[in-house]
Full PDB file with SEQRES, HELIX, SHEET, SSBOND, CRYST1, ORIGX, SCALE, CONECT and MASTER records, all heavy atoms in Angstrom:
SEQRES   1 A   36  GLN ALA ILE ALA ASP GLY ILE VAL GLU LYS ALA SER GLY          
SEQRES   2 A   36  ALA GLY ARG LYS PRO VAL GLY VAL GLU GLY TYR THR ALA          
SEQRES   3 A   36  GLY ARG TRP ILE LEU VAL ASP LEU SER ASP                      
HELIX    1 AA1 ALA A    2  GLY A   13  1                                  12    
SHEET    1 AA1 2 GLY A  20  GLU A  22  0                                        
SHEET    2 AA1 2 LEU A  31  ASP A  33 -1                                        
CRYST1    1.000    1.000    1.000  90.00  90.00  90.00 P 1           1          
ORIGX1      1.000000  0.000000  0.000000        0.00000                         
ORIGX2      0.000000  1.000000  0.000000        0.00000                         
ORIGX3      0.000000  0.000000  1.000000        0.00000                         
SCALE1      1.000000  0.000000  0.000000        0.00000                         
SCALE2      0.000000  1.000000  0.000000        0.00000                         
SCALE3      0.000000  0.000000  1.000000        0.00000                         
ATOM      1  N   GLN A   1       0.844  -1.209   0.011  1.00  0.00           N  
ATOM      2  CA  GLN A   1      -0.021  -0.010  -0.010  1.00  0.00           C  
ATOM      3  C   GLN A   1       0.863   1.264   0.001  1.00  0.00           C  
ATOM      4  O   GLN A   1       0.576   2.231  -0.703  1.00  0.00           O  
ATOM      5  CB  GLN A   1      -0.974   0.037   1.215  1.00  0.00           C  
ATOM      6  CG  GLN A   1      -2.051  -1.063   1.105  1.00  0.00           C  
ATOM      7  CD  GLN A   1      -2.792  -1.218   2.411  1.00  0.00           C  
ATOM      8  OE1 GLN A   1      -2.296  -1.021   3.489  1.00  0.00           O  
ATOM      9  NE2 GLN A   1      -4.031  -1.625   2.286  1.00  0.00           N  
ATOM     10  N   ALA A   2       1.939   1.240   0.809  1.00  0.00           N  
ATOM     11  CA  ALA A   2       2.813   2.426   0.873  1.00  0.00           C  
ATOM     12  C   ALA A   2       3.486   2.715  -0.475  1.00  0.00           C  
ATOM     13  O   ALA A   2       3.639   3.856  -0.879  1.00  0.00           O  
ATOM     14  CB  ALA A   2       3.882   2.223   1.969  1.00  0.00           C  
ATOM     15  N   ILE A   3       3.917   1.608  -1.161  1.00  0.00           N  
ATOM     16  CA  ILE A   3       4.486   1.805  -2.492  1.00  0.00           C  
ATOM     17  C   ILE A   3       3.476   2.398  -3.412  1.00  0.00           C  
ATOM     18  O   ILE A   3       3.799   3.372  -4.150  1.00  0.00           O  
ATOM     19  CB  ILE A   3       5.038   0.448  -3.048  1.00  0.00           C  
ATOM     20  CG1 ILE A   3       6.189  -0.060  -2.124  1.00  0.00           C  
ATOM     21  CG2 ILE A   3       5.423   0.583  -4.513  1.00  0.00           C  
ATOM     22  CD1 ILE A   3       6.537  -1.554  -2.362  1.00  0.00           C  
ATOM     23  N   ALA A   4       2.272   1.894  -3.457  1.00  0.00           N  
ATOM     24  CA  ALA A   4       1.236   2.424  -4.285  1.00  0.00           C  
ATOM     25  C   ALA A   4       0.926   3.860  -3.993  1.00  0.00           C  
ATOM     26  O   ALA A   4       0.805   4.709  -4.875  1.00  0.00           O  
ATOM     27  CB  ALA A   4      -0.059   1.579  -4.215  1.00  0.00           C  
ATOM     28  N   ASP A   5       0.852   4.184  -2.670  1.00  0.00           N  
ATOM     29  CA  ASP A   5       0.615   5.570  -2.233  1.00  0.00           C  
ATOM     30  C   ASP A   5       1.714   6.483  -2.744  1.00  0.00           C  
ATOM     31  O   ASP A   5       1.447   7.590  -3.243  1.00  0.00           O  
ATOM     32  CB  ASP A   5       0.647   5.675  -0.679  1.00  0.00           C  
ATOM     33  CG  ASP A   5      -0.673   5.085  -0.080  1.00  0.00           C  
ATOM     34  OD1 ASP A   5      -1.679   4.945  -0.776  1.00  0.00           O  
ATOM     35  OD2 ASP A   5      -0.607   4.817   1.179  1.00  0.00           O  
ATOM     36  N   GLY A   6       2.981   6.059  -2.649  1.00  0.00           N  
ATOM     37  CA  GLY A   6       4.104   6.882  -3.098  1.00  0.00           C  
ATOM     38  C   GLY A   6       4.036   7.163  -4.567  1.00  0.00           C  
ATOM     39  O   GLY A   6       4.321   8.270  -5.048  1.00  0.00           O  
ATOM     40  N   ILE A   7       3.649   6.104  -5.336  1.00  0.00           N  
ATOM     41  CA  ILE A   7       3.542   6.224  -6.772  1.00  0.00           C  
ATOM     42  C   ILE A   7       2.454   7.244  -7.134  1.00  0.00           C  
ATOM     43  O   ILE A   7       2.607   8.127  -7.956  1.00  0.00           O  
ATOM     44  CB  ILE A   7       3.348   4.900  -7.428  1.00  0.00           C  
ATOM     45  CG1 ILE A   7       4.636   4.056  -7.344  1.00  0.00           C  
ATOM     46  CG2 ILE A   7       2.867   4.995  -8.894  1.00  0.00           C  
ATOM     47  CD1 ILE A   7       4.476   2.593  -7.624  1.00  0.00           C  
ATOM     48  N   VAL A   8       1.245   7.055  -6.549  1.00  0.00           N  
ATOM     49  CA  VAL A   8       0.108   7.966  -6.791  1.00  0.00           C  
ATOM     50  C   VAL A   8       0.445   9.359  -6.420  1.00  0.00           C  
ATOM     51  O   VAL A   8       0.157  10.329  -7.188  1.00  0.00           O  
ATOM     52  CB  VAL A   8      -1.155   7.464  -6.038  1.00  0.00           C  
ATOM     53  CG1 VAL A   8      -2.262   8.519  -6.057  1.00  0.00           C  
ATOM     54  CG2 VAL A   8      -1.620   6.116  -6.617  1.00  0.00           C  
ATOM     55  N   GLU A   9       1.113   9.558  -5.273  1.00  0.00           N  
ATOM     56  CA  GLU A   9       1.498  10.890  -4.790  1.00  0.00           C  
ATOM     57  C   GLU A   9       2.439  11.569  -5.793  1.00  0.00           C  
ATOM     58  O   GLU A   9       2.233  12.733  -6.175  1.00  0.00           O  
ATOM     59  CB  GLU A   9       2.143  10.759  -3.426  1.00  0.00           C  
ATOM     60  CG  GLU A   9       2.308  12.016  -2.684  1.00  0.00           C  
ATOM     61  CD  GLU A   9       2.892  11.724  -1.276  1.00  0.00           C  
ATOM     62  OE1 GLU A   9       2.251  10.995  -0.513  1.00  0.00           O  
ATOM     63  OE2 GLU A   9       4.028  12.250  -1.006  1.00  0.00           O  
ATOM     64  N   LYS A  10       3.508  10.861  -6.209  1.00  0.00           N  
ATOM     65  CA  LYS A  10       4.432  11.453  -7.097  1.00  0.00           C  
ATOM     66  C   LYS A  10       3.875  11.746  -8.480  1.00  0.00           C  
ATOM     67  O   LYS A  10       4.116  12.780  -9.102  1.00  0.00           O  
ATOM     68  CB  LYS A  10       5.673  10.546  -7.249  1.00  0.00           C  
ATOM     69  CG  LYS A  10       6.888  11.133  -6.551  1.00  0.00           C  
ATOM     70  CD  LYS A  10       8.127  10.435  -6.967  1.00  0.00           C  
ATOM     71  CE  LYS A  10       9.254  11.224  -6.304  1.00  0.00           C  
ATOM     72  NZ  LYS A  10      10.392  10.502  -5.929  1.00  0.00           N  
ATOM     73  N   ALA A  11       3.081  10.818  -9.009  1.00  0.00           N  
ATOM     74  CA  ALA A  11       2.509  10.959 -10.321  1.00  0.00           C  
ATOM     75  C   ALA A  11       1.508  12.095 -10.271  1.00  0.00           C  
ATOM     76  O   ALA A  11       1.485  12.970 -11.180  1.00  0.00           O  
ATOM     77  CB  ALA A  11       1.811   9.685 -10.768  1.00  0.00           C  
ATOM     78  N   SER A  12       0.650  12.193  -9.227  1.00  0.00           N  
ATOM     79  CA  SER A  12      -0.308  13.284  -9.123  1.00  0.00           C  
ATOM     80  C   SER A  12       0.420  14.619  -8.970  1.00  0.00           C  
ATOM     81  O   SER A  12      -0.032  15.604  -9.611  1.00  0.00           O  
ATOM     82  CB  SER A  12      -1.199  13.070  -7.874  1.00  0.00           C  
ATOM     83  OG  SER A  12      -1.968  11.875  -8.015  1.00  0.00           O  
ATOM     84  N   GLY A  13       1.516  14.670  -8.292  1.00  0.00           N  
ATOM     85  CA  GLY A  13       2.280  15.894  -8.106  1.00  0.00           C  
ATOM     86  C   GLY A  13       2.884  16.341  -9.478  1.00  0.00           C  
ATOM     87  O   GLY A  13       3.127  17.529  -9.634  1.00  0.00           O  
ATOM     88  N   ALA A  14       3.024  15.411 -10.368  1.00  0.00           N  
ATOM     89  CA  ALA A  14       3.542  15.754 -11.721  1.00  0.00           C  
ATOM     90  C   ALA A  14       2.432  15.945 -12.733  1.00  0.00           C  
ATOM     91  O   ALA A  14       2.662  16.034 -13.930  1.00  0.00           O  
ATOM     92  CB  ALA A  14       4.458  14.623 -12.163  1.00  0.00           C  
ATOM     93  N   GLY A  15       1.184  16.001 -12.167  1.00  0.00           N  
ATOM     94  CA  GLY A  15       0.048  16.257 -13.056  1.00  0.00           C  
ATOM     95  C   GLY A  15      -0.541  15.012 -13.660  1.00  0.00           C  
ATOM     96  O   GLY A  15      -1.394  15.152 -14.578  1.00  0.00           O  
ATOM     97  N   ARG A  16      -0.194  13.850 -13.206  1.00  0.00           N  
ATOM     98  CA  ARG A  16      -0.740  12.590 -13.779  1.00  0.00           C  
ATOM     99  C   ARG A  16      -1.532  11.815 -12.733  1.00  0.00           C  
ATOM    100  O   ARG A  16      -1.008  10.877 -12.118  1.00  0.00           O  
ATOM    101  CB  ARG A  16       0.399  11.741 -14.398  1.00  0.00           C  
ATOM    102  CG  ARG A  16       1.046  12.335 -15.584  1.00  0.00           C  
ATOM    103  CD  ARG A  16       0.172  12.432 -16.775  1.00  0.00           C  
ATOM    104  NE  ARG A  16      -0.260  11.116 -17.264  1.00  0.00           N  
ATOM    105  CZ  ARG A  16       0.453  10.416 -18.186  1.00  0.00           C  
ATOM    106  NH1 ARG A  16       1.492  10.911 -18.690  1.00  0.00           N  
ATOM    107  NH2 ARG A  16      -0.011   9.241 -18.554  1.00  0.00           N  
ATOM    108  N   LYS A  17      -2.780  12.204 -12.490  1.00  0.00           N  
ATOM    109  CA  LYS A  17      -3.575  11.492 -11.566  1.00  0.00           C  
ATOM    110  C   LYS A  17      -3.952  10.145 -12.165  1.00  0.00           C  
ATOM    111  O   LYS A  17      -4.163  10.036 -13.335  1.00  0.00           O  
ATOM    112  CB  LYS A  17      -4.882  12.296 -11.280  1.00  0.00           C  
ATOM    113  CG  LYS A  17      -4.607  13.554 -10.391  1.00  0.00           C  
ATOM    114  CD  LYS A  17      -5.868  13.903  -9.671  1.00  0.00           C  
ATOM    115  CE  LYS A  17      -5.729  15.157  -8.865  1.00  0.00           C  
ATOM    116  NZ  LYS A  17      -4.591  15.312  -8.073  1.00  0.00           N  
ATOM    117  N   PRO A  18      -4.054   9.091 -11.339  1.00  0.00           N  
ATOM    118  CA  PRO A  18      -4.371   7.743 -11.881  1.00  0.00           C  
ATOM    119  C   PRO A  18      -5.766   7.748 -12.470  1.00  0.00           C  
ATOM    120  O   PRO A  18      -6.676   8.395 -11.927  1.00  0.00           O  
ATOM    121  CB  PRO A  18      -4.291   6.857 -10.653  1.00  0.00           C  
ATOM    122  CG  PRO A  18      -3.649   7.636  -9.580  1.00  0.00           C  
ATOM    123  CD  PRO A  18      -3.753   9.058  -9.895  1.00  0.00           C  
ATOM    124  N   VAL A  19      -5.895   6.997 -13.528  1.00  0.00           N  
ATOM    125  CA  VAL A  19      -7.237   6.677 -14.108  1.00  0.00           C  
ATOM    126  C   VAL A  19      -8.020   5.827 -13.122  1.00  0.00           C  
ATOM    127  O   VAL A  19      -9.222   5.913 -12.997  1.00  0.00           O  
ATOM    128  CB  VAL A  19      -7.086   5.994 -15.477  1.00  0.00           C  
ATOM    129  CG1 VAL A  19      -8.429   5.638 -16.069  1.00  0.00           C  
ATOM    130  CG2 VAL A  19      -6.277   6.796 -16.445  1.00  0.00           C  
ATOM    131  N   GLY A  20      -7.288   4.966 -12.441  1.00  0.00           N  
ATOM    132  CA  GLY A  20      -7.914   4.078 -11.445  1.00  0.00           C  
ATOM    133  C   GLY A  20      -6.857   3.353 -10.615  1.00  0.00           C  
ATOM    134  O   GLY A  20      -5.664   3.260 -10.973  1.00  0.00           O  
ATOM    135  N   VAL A  21      -7.304   2.971  -9.431  1.00  0.00           N  
ATOM    136  CA  VAL A  21      -6.457   2.153  -8.534  1.00  0.00           C  
ATOM    137  C   VAL A  21      -7.304   0.966  -8.048  1.00  0.00           C  
ATOM    138  O   VAL A  21      -8.457   1.195  -7.572  1.00  0.00           O  
ATOM    139  CB  VAL A  21      -5.970   3.009  -7.290  1.00  0.00           C  
ATOM    140  CG1 VAL A  21      -5.212   2.113  -6.319  1.00  0.00           C  
ATOM    141  CG2 VAL A  21      -5.170   4.167  -7.731  1.00  0.00           C  
ATOM    142  N   GLU A  22      -6.827  -0.216  -8.230  1.00  0.00           N  
ATOM    143  CA  GLU A  22      -7.624  -1.424  -7.829  1.00  0.00           C  
ATOM    144  C   GLU A  22      -6.800  -2.249  -6.855  1.00  0.00           C  
ATOM    145  O   GLU A  22      -5.617  -2.306  -6.971  1.00  0.00           O  
ATOM    146  CB  GLU A  22      -7.951  -2.250  -9.074  1.00  0.00           C  
ATOM    147  CG  GLU A  22      -8.881  -1.493 -10.040  1.00  0.00           C  
ATOM    148  CD  GLU A  22      -9.096  -2.320 -11.307  1.00  0.00           C  
ATOM    149  OE1 GLU A  22      -9.091  -3.553 -11.229  1.00  0.00           O  
ATOM    150  OE2 GLU A  22      -9.286  -1.681 -12.336  1.00  0.00           O  
ATOM    151  N   GLY A  23      -7.506  -2.903  -5.913  1.00  0.00           N  
ATOM    152  CA  GLY A  23      -6.897  -3.858  -4.972  1.00  0.00           C  
ATOM    153  C   GLY A  23      -6.264  -3.190  -3.782  1.00  0.00           C  
ATOM    154  O   GLY A  23      -5.578  -3.901  -3.022  1.00  0.00           O  
ATOM    155  N   TYR A  24      -6.472  -1.892  -3.555  1.00  0.00           N  
ATOM    156  CA  TYR A  24      -5.753  -1.172  -2.493  1.00  0.00           C  
ATOM    157  C   TYR A  24      -6.120  -1.753  -1.116  1.00  0.00           C  
ATOM    158  O   TYR A  24      -5.214  -1.984  -0.296  1.00  0.00           O  
ATOM    159  CB  TYR A  24      -6.058   0.288  -2.555  1.00  0.00           C  
ATOM    160  CG  TYR A  24      -5.269   1.074  -1.557  1.00  0.00           C  
ATOM    161  CD1 TYR A  24      -3.984   1.492  -1.837  1.00  0.00           C  
ATOM    162  CD2 TYR A  24      -5.721   1.305  -0.263  1.00  0.00           C  
ATOM    163  CE1 TYR A  24      -3.211   2.183  -0.937  1.00  0.00           C  
ATOM    164  CE2 TYR A  24      -4.972   2.014   0.656  1.00  0.00           C  
ATOM    165  CZ  TYR A  24      -3.751   2.440   0.354  1.00  0.00           C  
ATOM    166  OH  TYR A  24      -2.996   3.099   1.243  1.00  0.00           O  
ATOM    167  N   THR A  25      -7.404  -1.981  -0.862  1.00  0.00           N  
ATOM    168  CA  THR A  25      -7.824  -2.385   0.478  1.00  0.00           C  
ATOM    169  C   THR A  25      -7.138  -3.714   0.962  1.00  0.00           C  
ATOM    170  O   THR A  25      -6.646  -3.803   2.062  1.00  0.00           O  
ATOM    171  CB  THR A  25      -9.356  -2.506   0.552  1.00  0.00           C  
ATOM    172  OG1 THR A  25      -9.937  -1.319   0.118  1.00  0.00           O  
ATOM    173  CG2 THR A  25      -9.840  -2.789   1.975  1.00  0.00           C  
ATOM    174  N   ALA A  26      -7.114  -4.682   0.023  1.00  0.00           N  
ATOM    175  CA  ALA A  26      -6.520  -5.975   0.351  1.00  0.00           C  
ATOM    176  C   ALA A  26      -4.949  -5.813   0.469  1.00  0.00           C  
ATOM    177  O   ALA A  26      -4.337  -6.514   1.267  1.00  0.00           O  
ATOM    178  CB  ALA A  26      -6.874  -7.048  -0.638  1.00  0.00           C  
ATOM    179  N   GLY A  27      -4.391  -4.991  -0.364  1.00  0.00           N  
ATOM    180  CA  GLY A  27      -2.951  -4.788  -0.324  1.00  0.00           C  
ATOM    181  C   GLY A  27      -2.117  -5.951  -0.798  1.00  0.00           C  
ATOM    182  O   GLY A  27      -0.949  -6.063  -0.406  1.00  0.00           O  
ATOM    183  N   ARG A  28      -2.692  -6.885  -1.584  1.00  0.00           N  
ATOM    184  CA  ARG A  28      -1.922  -8.008  -2.020  1.00  0.00           C  
ATOM    185  C   ARG A  28      -1.461  -7.853  -3.462  1.00  0.00           C  
ATOM    186  O   ARG A  28      -0.364  -8.307  -3.823  1.00  0.00           O  
ATOM    187  CB  ARG A  28      -2.808  -9.312  -1.902  1.00  0.00           C  
ATOM    188  CG  ARG A  28      -3.207  -9.527  -0.477  1.00  0.00           C  
ATOM    189  CD  ARG A  28      -3.993 -10.797  -0.282  1.00  0.00           C  
ATOM    190  NE  ARG A  28      -3.216 -11.992  -0.638  1.00  0.00           N  
ATOM    191  CZ  ARG A  28      -2.251 -12.488   0.156  1.00  0.00           C  
ATOM    192  NH1 ARG A  28      -1.995 -12.000   1.297  1.00  0.00           N  
ATOM    193  NH2 ARG A  28      -1.588 -13.563  -0.208  1.00  0.00           N  
ATOM    194  N   TRP A  29      -2.282  -7.191  -4.270  1.00  0.00           N  
ATOM    195  CA  TRP A  29      -1.913  -6.834  -5.633  1.00  0.00           C  
ATOM    196  C   TRP A  29      -2.626  -5.563  -5.959  1.00  0.00           C  
ATOM    197  O   TRP A  29      -3.871  -5.499  -6.052  1.00  0.00           O  
ATOM    198  CB  TRP A  29      -2.331  -7.936  -6.632  1.00  0.00           C  
ATOM    199  CG  TRP A  29      -2.201  -7.541  -8.063  1.00  0.00           C  
ATOM    200  CD1 TRP A  29      -1.551  -6.505  -8.634  1.00  0.00           C  
ATOM    201  CD2 TRP A  29      -2.680  -8.308  -9.224  1.00  0.00           C  
ATOM    202  NE1 TRP A  29      -1.595  -6.552  -9.984  1.00  0.00           N  
ATOM    203  CE2 TRP A  29      -2.257  -7.652 -10.394  1.00  0.00           C  
ATOM    204  CE3 TRP A  29      -3.378  -9.476  -9.316  1.00  0.00           C  
ATOM    205  CZ2 TRP A  29      -2.632  -8.143 -11.672  1.00  0.00           C  
ATOM    206  CZ3 TRP A  29      -3.724  -9.950 -10.584  1.00  0.00           C  
ATOM    207  CH2 TRP A  29      -3.343  -9.281 -11.749  1.00  0.00           C  
ATOM    208  N   ILE A  30      -1.927  -4.475  -5.981  1.00  0.00           N  
ATOM    209  CA  ILE A  30      -2.511  -3.154  -6.291  1.00  0.00           C  
ATOM    210  C   ILE A  30      -2.124  -2.755  -7.692  1.00  0.00           C  
ATOM    211  O   ILE A  30      -0.922  -2.747  -8.064  1.00  0.00           O  
ATOM    212  CB  ILE A  30      -2.067  -2.073  -5.305  1.00  0.00           C  
ATOM    213  CG1 ILE A  30      -2.435  -2.496  -3.831  1.00  0.00           C  
ATOM    214  CG2 ILE A  30      -2.673  -0.697  -5.663  1.00  0.00           C  
ATOM    215  CD1 ILE A  30      -1.932  -1.518  -2.766  1.00  0.00           C  
ATOM    216  N   LEU A  31      -3.153  -2.431  -8.477  1.00  0.00           N  
ATOM    217  CA  LEU A  31      -2.921  -1.940  -9.839  1.00  0.00           C  
ATOM    218  C   LEU A  31      -3.154  -0.424  -9.830  1.00  0.00           C  
ATOM    219  O   LEU A  31      -4.216   0.024  -9.417  1.00  0.00           O  
ATOM    220  CB  LEU A  31      -3.911  -2.664 -10.776  1.00  0.00           C  
ATOM    221  CG  LEU A  31      -3.794  -2.331 -12.288  1.00  0.00           C  
ATOM    222  CD1 LEU A  31      -4.136  -3.541 -13.094  1.00  0.00           C  
ATOM    223  CD2 LEU A  31      -4.614  -1.140 -12.690  1.00  0.00           C  
ATOM    224  N   VAL A  32      -2.145   0.332 -10.326  1.00  0.00           N  
ATOM    225  CA  VAL A  32      -2.320   1.740 -10.490  1.00  0.00           C  
ATOM    226  C   VAL A  32      -2.250   2.066 -11.982  1.00  0.00           C  
ATOM    227  O   VAL A  32      -1.219   1.870 -12.582  1.00  0.00           O  
ATOM    228  CB  VAL A  32      -1.190   2.526  -9.734  1.00  0.00           C  
ATOM    229  CG1 VAL A  32      -1.313   4.023  -9.928  1.00  0.00           C  
ATOM    230  CG2 VAL A  32      -1.126   2.151  -8.276  1.00  0.00           C  
ATOM    231  N   ASP A  33      -3.379   2.502 -12.506  1.00  0.00           N  
ATOM    232  CA  ASP A  33      -3.532   2.785 -13.910  1.00  0.00           C  
ATOM    233  C   ASP A  33      -3.228   4.256 -14.187  1.00  0.00           C  
ATOM    234  O   ASP A  33      -4.015   5.128 -13.859  1.00  0.00           O  
ATOM    235  CB  ASP A  33      -4.918   2.411 -14.375  1.00  0.00           C  
ATOM    236  CG  ASP A  33      -5.088   2.549 -15.912  1.00  0.00           C  
ATOM    237  OD1 ASP A  33      -4.215   3.110 -16.572  1.00  0.00           O  
ATOM    238  OD2 ASP A  33      -6.167   2.058 -16.440  1.00  0.00           O  
ATOM    239  N   LEU A  34      -2.068   4.504 -14.770  1.00  0.00           N  
ATOM    240  CA  LEU A  34      -1.671   5.855 -15.165  1.00  0.00           C  
ATOM    241  C   LEU A  34      -1.766   6.026 -16.689  1.00  0.00           C  
ATOM    242  O   LEU A  34      -1.039   6.812 -17.302  1.00  0.00           O  
ATOM    243  CB  LEU A  34      -0.271   6.185 -14.683  1.00  0.00           C  
ATOM    244  CG  LEU A  34      -0.076   6.128 -13.177  1.00  0.00           C  
ATOM    245  CD1 LEU A  34       1.395   6.087 -12.793  1.00  0.00           C  
ATOM    246  CD2 LEU A  34      -0.741   7.360 -12.532  1.00  0.00           C  
ATOM    247  N   SER A  35      -2.681   5.264 -17.283  1.00  0.00           N  
ATOM    248  CA  SER A  35      -2.954   5.301 -18.728  1.00  0.00           C  
ATOM    249  C   SER A  35      -1.805   4.652 -19.544  1.00  0.00           C  
ATOM    250  O   SER A  35      -1.811   3.448 -19.757  1.00  0.00           O  
ATOM    251  CB  SER A  35      -3.275   6.700 -19.221  1.00  0.00           C  
ATOM    252  OG  SER A  35      -3.781   6.640 -20.479  1.00  0.00           O  
ATOM    253  N   ASP A  36      -0.802   5.400 -19.940  1.00  0.00           N  
ATOM    254  CA  ASP A  36       0.305   4.830 -20.743  1.00  0.00           C  
ATOM    255  C   ASP A  36       1.327   4.059 -19.891  1.00  0.00           C  
ATOM    256  O   ASP A  36       2.108   3.327 -20.475  1.00  0.00           O  
ATOM    257  CB  ASP A  36       0.960   5.873 -21.652  1.00  0.00           C  
ATOM    258  CG  ASP A  36       1.329   7.155 -20.940  1.00  0.00           C  
ATOM    259  OD1 ASP A  36       0.799   7.368 -19.797  1.00  0.00           O  
ATOM    260  OD2 ASP A  36       2.096   7.942 -21.480  1.00  0.00           O  
TER     261      ASP A  36                                                      
MASTER        0    0    0    1    2    0    0    6  260    1    0    3          
END                                                                             
């Protein structure tokens, strides 16, 4: 979860908010969709 949070935070800070984030609650496999 912390890795996913860090990625979302950095990408958002650079103007690239995720299209979607899946699997966060379970924390076993989190998919962060940044489009490309």
